[in-house]
Amino acid sequence: MRRWWVLALLLLAFVALQAKLWWGEGGLGEARELDLRVSDQRAENARLQQRNDALSAEVEDLKSGEAAVEDRARSELGMIKPGETFYRVVEPAKASVPRVEQAQDAVAPEPRP
């Protein structure tokens, strides 16, 4: 009879430890959630690293290349070389055309005596 109590006690301890492993604080569910957060953060880090690499390449190009400085001066500042003629093409703004009913109301003739 004593063996059954020992076996029951061991079984109860096993169930308690398994419950803590599966559902307790720091258990498998929380570990999965942390793995997902780590993989998301790694993807974000990779995206930011690509952006940093592109910006570093652009800075290096601006430091060493005259063509990049010229291109940026032309596009952002509107600078031109001596002897060049600058043409700015401006789209005409769409004038607000009143509707026919509004125009008739605004210019209604006065009755003559």
N, C-alpha and C. Protein backbone atom coordinates (compact mmCIF):
# COMPACT_ATOMS: atom_id res chain seq x y z
N MET A 1 0.80 -1.19 0.00
CA MET A 1 0.00 0.00 0.00
C MET A 1 0.85 1.26 0.00
N ARG A 2 1.99 1.14 0.57
CA ARG A 2 2.87 2.30 0.62
C ARG A 2 3.38 2.65 -0.77
N ARG A 3 3.51 1.65 -1.62
CA ARG A 3 4.01 1.90 -2.98
C ARG A 3 3.04 2.78 -3.76
N TRP A 4 1.74 2.61 -3.55
CA TRP A 4 0.75 3.40 -4.29
C TRP A 4 0.85 4.88 -3.91
N TRP A 5 1.11 5.16 -2.65
CA TRP A 5 1.25 6.55 -2.23
C TRP A 5 2.49 7.18 -2.86
N VAL A 6 3.55 6.45 -2.91
CA VAL A 6 4.78 6.97 -3.52
C VAL A 6 4.56 7.18 -5.02
N LEU A 7 3.92 6.25 -5.65
CA LEU A 7 3.64 6.36 -7.08
C LEU A 7 2.69 7.54 -7.35
N ALA A 8 1.68 7.71 -6.52
CA ALA A 8 0.75 8.83 -6.68
C ALA A 8 1.46 10.16 -6.45
N LEU A 9 2.34 10.22 -5.46
CA LEU A 9 3.09 11.43 -5.18
C LEU A 9 4.03 11.78 -6.34
N LEU A 10 4.69 10.78 -6.89
CA LEU A 10 5.57 11.01 -8.04
C LEU A 10 4.77 11.46 -9.27
N LEU A 11 3.62 10.85 -9.47
CA LEU A 11 2.76 11.24 -10.59
C LEU A 11 2.27 12.67 -10.44
N LEU A 12 1.90 13.06 -9.23
CA LEU A 12 1.45 14.42 -8.96
C LEU A 12 2.58 15.43 -9.19
N ALA A 13 3.77 15.10 -8.76
CA ALA A 13 4.93 15.99 -8.97
C ALA A 13 5.22 16.11 -10.47
N PHE A 14 5.12 15.01 -11.19
CA PHE A 14 5.35 15.03 -12.64
C PHE A 14 4.34 15.93 -13.34
N VAL A 15 3.06 15.82 -12.97
CA VAL A 15 2.01 16.65 -13.58
C VAL A 15 2.24 18.12 -13.25
N ALA A 16 2.63 18.43 -12.02
CA ALA A 16 2.87 19.82 -11.62
C ALA A 16 4.03 20.42 -12.41
N LEU A 17 5.09 19.64 -12.58
CA LEU A 17 6.23 20.14 -13.35
C LEU A 17 5.88 20.32 -14.82
N GLN A 18 5.11 19.40 -15.37
CA GLN A 18 4.70 19.53 -16.77
C GLN A 18 3.80 20.75 -16.97
N ALA A 19 2.91 20.99 -16.02
CA ALA A 19 2.02 22.15 -16.11
C ALA A 19 2.84 23.44 -16.11
N LYS A 20 3.83 23.51 -15.25
CA LYS A 20 4.68 24.69 -15.21
C LYS A 20 5.46 24.86 -16.52
N LEU A 21 5.90 23.73 -17.09
CA LEU A 21 6.64 23.79 -18.34
C LEU A 21 5.77 24.31 -19.47
N TRP A 22 4.54 23.84 -19.56
CA TRP A 22 3.68 24.20 -20.68
C TRP A 22 2.99 25.55 -20.50
N TRP A 23 2.47 25.83 -19.31
CA TRP A 23 1.62 27.00 -19.12
C TRP A 23 2.18 28.02 -18.14
N GLY A 24 3.22 27.71 -17.45
CA GLY A 24 3.74 28.61 -16.42
C GLY A 24 4.55 29.76 -16.99
N GLU A 25 4.98 30.62 -16.07
CA GLU A 25 5.81 31.76 -16.47
C GLU A 25 7.15 31.25 -17.00
N GLY A 26 7.53 31.73 -18.17
CA GLY A 26 8.75 31.26 -18.81
C GLY A 26 8.59 29.91 -19.47
N GLY A 27 7.34 29.50 -19.70
CA GLY A 27 7.08 28.21 -20.31
C GLY A 27 7.23 28.24 -21.82
N LEU A 28 6.78 27.18 -22.45
CA LEU A 28 6.95 27.03 -23.89
C LEU A 28 6.18 28.07 -24.70
N GLY A 29 5.00 28.47 -24.25
CA GLY A 29 4.23 29.50 -24.95
C GLY A 29 4.97 30.82 -24.99
N GLU A 30 5.52 31.20 -23.86
CA GLU A 30 6.29 32.44 -23.80
C GLU A 30 7.57 32.34 -24.62
N ALA A 31 8.18 31.18 -24.64
CA ALA A 31 9.39 30.99 -25.44
C ALA A 31 9.08 31.13 -26.93
N ARG A 32 7.94 30.61 -27.37
CA ARG A 32 7.55 30.77 -28.78
C ARG A 32 7.31 32.23 -29.12
N GLU A 33 6.65 32.93 -28.22
CA GLU A 33 6.39 34.36 -28.44
C GLU A 33 7.70 35.14 -28.55
N LEU A 34 8.65 34.83 -27.69
CA LEU A 34 9.95 35.50 -27.75
C LEU A 34 10.70 35.17 -29.03
N ASP A 35 10.58 33.93 -29.51
CA ASP A 35 11.21 33.56 -30.78
C ASP A 35 10.63 34.38 -31.93
N LEU A 36 9.31 34.57 -31.93
CA LEU A 36 8.68 35.39 -32.97
C LEU A 36 9.15 36.83 -32.90
N ARG A 37 9.24 37.37 -31.69
CA ARG A 37 9.71 38.75 -31.55
C ARG A 37 11.16 38.89 -32.00
N VAL A 38 11.99 37.90 -31.71
CA VAL A 38 13.39 37.94 -32.14
C VAL A 38 13.49 37.89 -33.66
N SER A 39 12.69 37.04 -34.31
CA SER A 39 12.75 36.96 -35.77
C SER A 39 12.24 38.24 -36.40
N ASP A 40 11.19 38.87 -35.83
CA ASP A 40 10.72 40.15 -36.33
C ASP A 40 11.79 41.23 -36.19
N GLN A 41 12.46 41.24 -35.06
CA GLN A 41 13.51 42.24 -34.83
C GLN A 41 14.68 42.03 -35.77
N ARG A 42 15.02 40.78 -36.06
CA ARG A 42 16.11 40.51 -37.01
C ARG A 42 15.75 41.00 -38.41
N ALA A 43 14.50 40.80 -38.81
CA ALA A 43 14.06 41.30 -40.12
C ALA A 43 14.13 42.82 -40.17
N GLU A 44 13.70 43.47 -39.10
CA GLU A 44 13.77 44.94 -39.03
C GLU A 44 15.22 45.41 -39.06
N ASN A 45 16.10 44.72 -38.35
CA ASN A 45 17.52 45.07 -38.35
C ASN A 45 18.12 44.93 -39.75
N ALA A 46 17.74 43.87 -40.46
CA ALA A 46 18.25 43.68 -41.82
C ALA A 46 17.78 44.80 -42.75
N ARG A 47 16.51 45.22 -42.61
CA ARG A 47 15.98 46.31 -43.43
C ARG A 47 16.72 47.62 -43.14
N LEU A 48 16.94 47.87 -41.86
CA LEU A 48 17.65 49.10 -41.48
C LEU A 48 19.12 49.05 -41.90
N GLN A 49 19.72 47.87 -41.89
CA GLN A 49 21.10 47.75 -42.33
C GLN A 49 21.22 48.05 -43.83
N GLN A 50 20.26 47.59 -44.62
CA GLN A 50 20.27 47.91 -46.05
C GLN A 50 20.13 49.41 -46.26
N ARG A 51 19.26 50.04 -45.49
CA ARG A 51 19.08 51.49 -45.60
C ARG A 51 20.37 52.22 -45.21
N ASN A 52 21.02 51.77 -44.14
CA ASN A 52 22.28 52.39 -43.72
C ASN A 52 23.36 52.21 -44.77
N ASP A 53 23.41 51.02 -45.39
CA ASP A 53 24.39 50.78 -46.44
C ASP A 53 24.17 51.71 -47.63
N ALA A 54 22.90 51.89 -48.00
CA ALA A 54 22.60 52.79 -49.12
C ALA A 54 22.97 54.23 -48.79
N LEU A 55 22.69 54.66 -47.57
CA LEU A 55 23.04 56.02 -47.16
C LEU A 55 24.56 56.20 -47.09
N SER A 56 25.25 55.17 -46.61
CA SER A 56 26.72 55.26 -46.55
C SER A 56 27.31 55.35 -47.95
N ALA A 57 26.75 54.59 -48.88
CA ALA A 57 27.23 54.66 -50.27
C ALA A 57 26.97 56.03 -50.86
N GLU A 58 25.82 56.61 -50.54
CA GLU A 58 25.51 57.94 -51.06
C GLU A 58 26.44 58.99 -50.46
N VAL A 59 26.74 58.88 -49.16
CA VAL A 59 27.67 59.82 -48.53
C VAL A 59 29.06 59.69 -49.15
N GLU A 60 29.50 58.46 -49.36
CA GLU A 60 30.81 58.23 -49.97
C GLU A 60 30.85 58.80 -51.38
N ASP A 61 29.77 58.62 -52.12
CA ASP A 61 29.69 59.15 -53.49
C ASP A 61 29.73 60.67 -53.48
N LEU A 62 29.04 61.28 -52.51
CA LEU A 62 29.05 62.74 -52.42
C LEU A 62 30.41 63.27 -52.01
N LYS A 63 31.12 62.52 -51.17
CA LYS A 63 32.44 62.97 -50.74
C LYS A 63 33.47 62.88 -51.87
N SER A 64 33.37 61.83 -52.68
CA SER A 64 34.42 61.59 -53.66
C SER A 64 34.03 62.00 -55.08
N GLY A 65 32.76 61.97 -55.42
CA GLY A 65 32.36 62.20 -56.80
C GLY A 65 31.82 63.59 -57.03
N GLU A 66 32.32 64.24 -58.05
CA GLU A 66 31.85 65.57 -58.41
C GLU A 66 30.51 65.48 -59.13
N ALA A 67 30.28 64.40 -59.85
CA ALA A 67 29.05 64.25 -60.61
C ALA A 67 27.84 64.17 -59.68
N ALA A 68 28.00 63.51 -58.55
CA ALA A 68 26.88 63.40 -57.62
C ALA A 68 26.54 64.74 -57.00
N VAL A 69 27.57 65.53 -56.69
CA VAL A 69 27.34 66.87 -56.14
C VAL A 69 26.64 67.74 -57.17
N GLU A 70 27.09 67.65 -58.42
CA GLU A 70 26.47 68.43 -59.49
C GLU A 70 25.02 68.01 -59.70
N ASP A 71 24.77 66.73 -59.70
CA ASP A 71 23.40 66.23 -59.88
C ASP A 71 22.49 66.71 -58.76
N ARG A 72 22.98 66.65 -57.54
CA ARG A 72 22.17 67.11 -56.41
C ARG A 72 21.95 68.62 -56.45
N ALA A 73 22.96 69.38 -56.85
CA ALA A 73 22.81 70.83 -56.96
C ALA A 73 21.80 71.19 -58.03
N ARG A 74 21.81 70.46 -59.13
CA ARG A 74 20.84 70.73 -60.20
C ARG A 74 19.42 70.39 -59.78
N SER A 75 19.24 69.21 -59.16
CA SER A 75 17.88 68.76 -58.86
C SER A 75 17.29 69.48 -57.65
N GLU A 76 18.08 69.67 -56.60
CA GLU A 76 17.51 70.23 -55.37
C GLU A 76 17.59 71.75 -55.31
N LEU A 77 18.63 72.31 -55.89
CA LEU A 77 18.83 73.77 -55.79
C LEU A 77 18.53 74.51 -57.08
N GLY A 78 18.33 73.78 -58.17
CA GLY A 78 18.02 74.42 -59.45
C GLY A 78 19.20 75.15 -60.06
N MET A 79 20.41 74.75 -59.74
CA MET A 79 21.60 75.43 -60.26
C MET A 79 21.84 75.00 -61.71
N ILE A 80 22.45 75.91 -62.48
CA ILE A 80 22.78 75.63 -63.88
C ILE A 80 24.23 76.00 -64.12
N LYS A 81 24.81 75.47 -65.19
CA LYS A 81 26.18 75.78 -65.56
C LYS A 81 26.21 77.08 -66.35
N PRO A 82 27.34 77.76 -66.36
CA PRO A 82 27.45 78.96 -67.18
C PRO A 82 27.21 78.62 -68.65
N GLY A 83 26.43 79.44 -69.33
CA GLY A 83 26.13 79.22 -70.74
C GLY A 83 24.87 78.41 -70.97
N GLU A 84 24.33 77.79 -69.94
CA GLU A 84 23.10 77.03 -70.09
C GLU A 84 21.91 77.96 -69.91
N THR A 85 20.82 77.59 -70.52
CA THR A 85 19.58 78.35 -70.36
C THR A 85 18.61 77.48 -69.58
N PHE A 86 18.05 78.05 -68.55
CA PHE A 86 17.13 77.32 -67.69
C PHE A 86 15.70 77.61 -68.14
N TYR A 87 14.94 76.55 -68.37
CA TYR A 87 13.53 76.69 -68.73
C TYR A 87 12.71 75.99 -67.66
N ARG A 88 11.75 76.71 -67.15
CA ARG A 88 10.84 76.11 -66.19
C ARG A 88 9.48 76.00 -66.86
N VAL A 89 8.95 74.80 -66.87
CA VAL A 89 7.64 74.56 -67.47
C VAL A 89 6.63 74.55 -66.33
N VAL A 90 5.71 75.48 -66.40
CA VAL A 90 4.70 75.61 -65.36
C VAL A 90 3.35 75.27 -65.97
N GLU A 91 2.69 74.31 -65.35
CA GLU A 91 1.36 73.94 -65.80
C GLU A 91 0.40 75.05 -65.41
N PRO A 92 -0.50 75.45 -66.33
CA PRO A 92 -1.45 76.49 -65.94
C PRO A 92 -2.41 75.95 -64.89
N ALA A 93 -2.69 76.80 -63.92
CA ALA A 93 -3.61 76.39 -62.86
C ALA A 93 -5.02 76.33 -63.42
N LYS A 94 -5.76 75.33 -63.00
CA LYS A 94 -7.13 75.21 -63.47
C LYS A 94 -7.96 76.28 -62.80
N ALA A 95 -8.51 77.19 -63.62
CA ALA A 95 -9.35 78.24 -63.07
C ALA A 95 -10.69 77.64 -62.68
N SER A 96 -11.21 78.13 -61.61
CA SER A 96 -12.50 77.59 -61.18
C SER A 96 -13.59 78.18 -62.07
N VAL A 97 -14.23 77.34 -62.81
CA VAL A 97 -15.29 77.76 -63.73
C VAL A 97 -16.61 77.55 -63.01
N PRO A 98 -17.39 78.65 -62.84
CA PRO A 98 -18.67 78.47 -62.16
C PRO A 98 -19.63 77.68 -63.01
N ARG A 99 -20.50 76.97 -62.35
CA ARG A 99 -21.50 76.20 -63.07
C ARG A 99 -22.48 77.16 -63.72
N VAL A 100 -23.23 76.68 -64.69
CA VAL A 100 -24.14 77.53 -65.46
C VAL A 100 -25.21 78.13 -64.55
N GLU A 101 -25.75 77.33 -63.63
CA GLU A 101 -26.79 77.84 -62.75
C GLU A 101 -26.25 78.97 -61.87
N GLN A 102 -25.02 78.78 -61.37
CA GLN A 102 -24.42 79.80 -60.53
C GLN A 102 -24.15 81.06 -61.32
N ALA A 103 -23.69 80.91 -62.56
CA ALA A 103 -23.39 82.07 -63.38
C ALA A 103 -24.67 82.83 -63.71
N GLN A 104 -25.77 82.15 -63.97
CA GLN A 104 -27.03 82.81 -64.28
C GLN A 104 -27.56 83.53 -63.05
N ASP A 105 -27.41 82.94 -61.88
CA ASP A 105 -27.87 83.59 -60.66
C ASP A 105 -27.06 84.85 -60.38
N ALA A 106 -25.78 84.78 -60.65
CA ALA A 106 -24.91 85.91 -60.35
C ALA A 106 -25.13 87.06 -61.33
N VAL A 107 -25.53 86.79 -62.56
CA VAL A 107 -25.64 87.82 -63.59
C VAL A 107 -27.10 87.94 -64.06
N ALA A 108 -28.01 87.77 -63.20
CA ALA A 108 -29.41 87.84 -63.59
C ALA A 108 -29.76 89.27 -63.97
N PRO A 109 -30.39 89.44 -65.11
CA PRO A 109 -30.73 90.81 -65.53
C PRO A 109 -31.82 91.40 -64.64
N GLU A 110 -31.74 92.69 -64.45
CA GLU A 110 -32.74 93.37 -63.64
C GLU A 110 -33.95 93.62 -64.49
N PRO A 111 -35.12 93.55 -63.92
CA PRO A 111 -36.32 93.80 -64.70
C PRO A 111 -36.39 95.28 -65.11
N ARG A 112 -36.84 95.50 -66.36
CA ARG A 112 -36.94 96.88 -66.87
C ARG A 112 -38.37 97.39 -66.66
N PRO A 113 -38.47 98.67 -66.38
CA PRO A 113 -39.80 99.23 -66.17
C PRO A 113 -40.56 99.48 -67.44
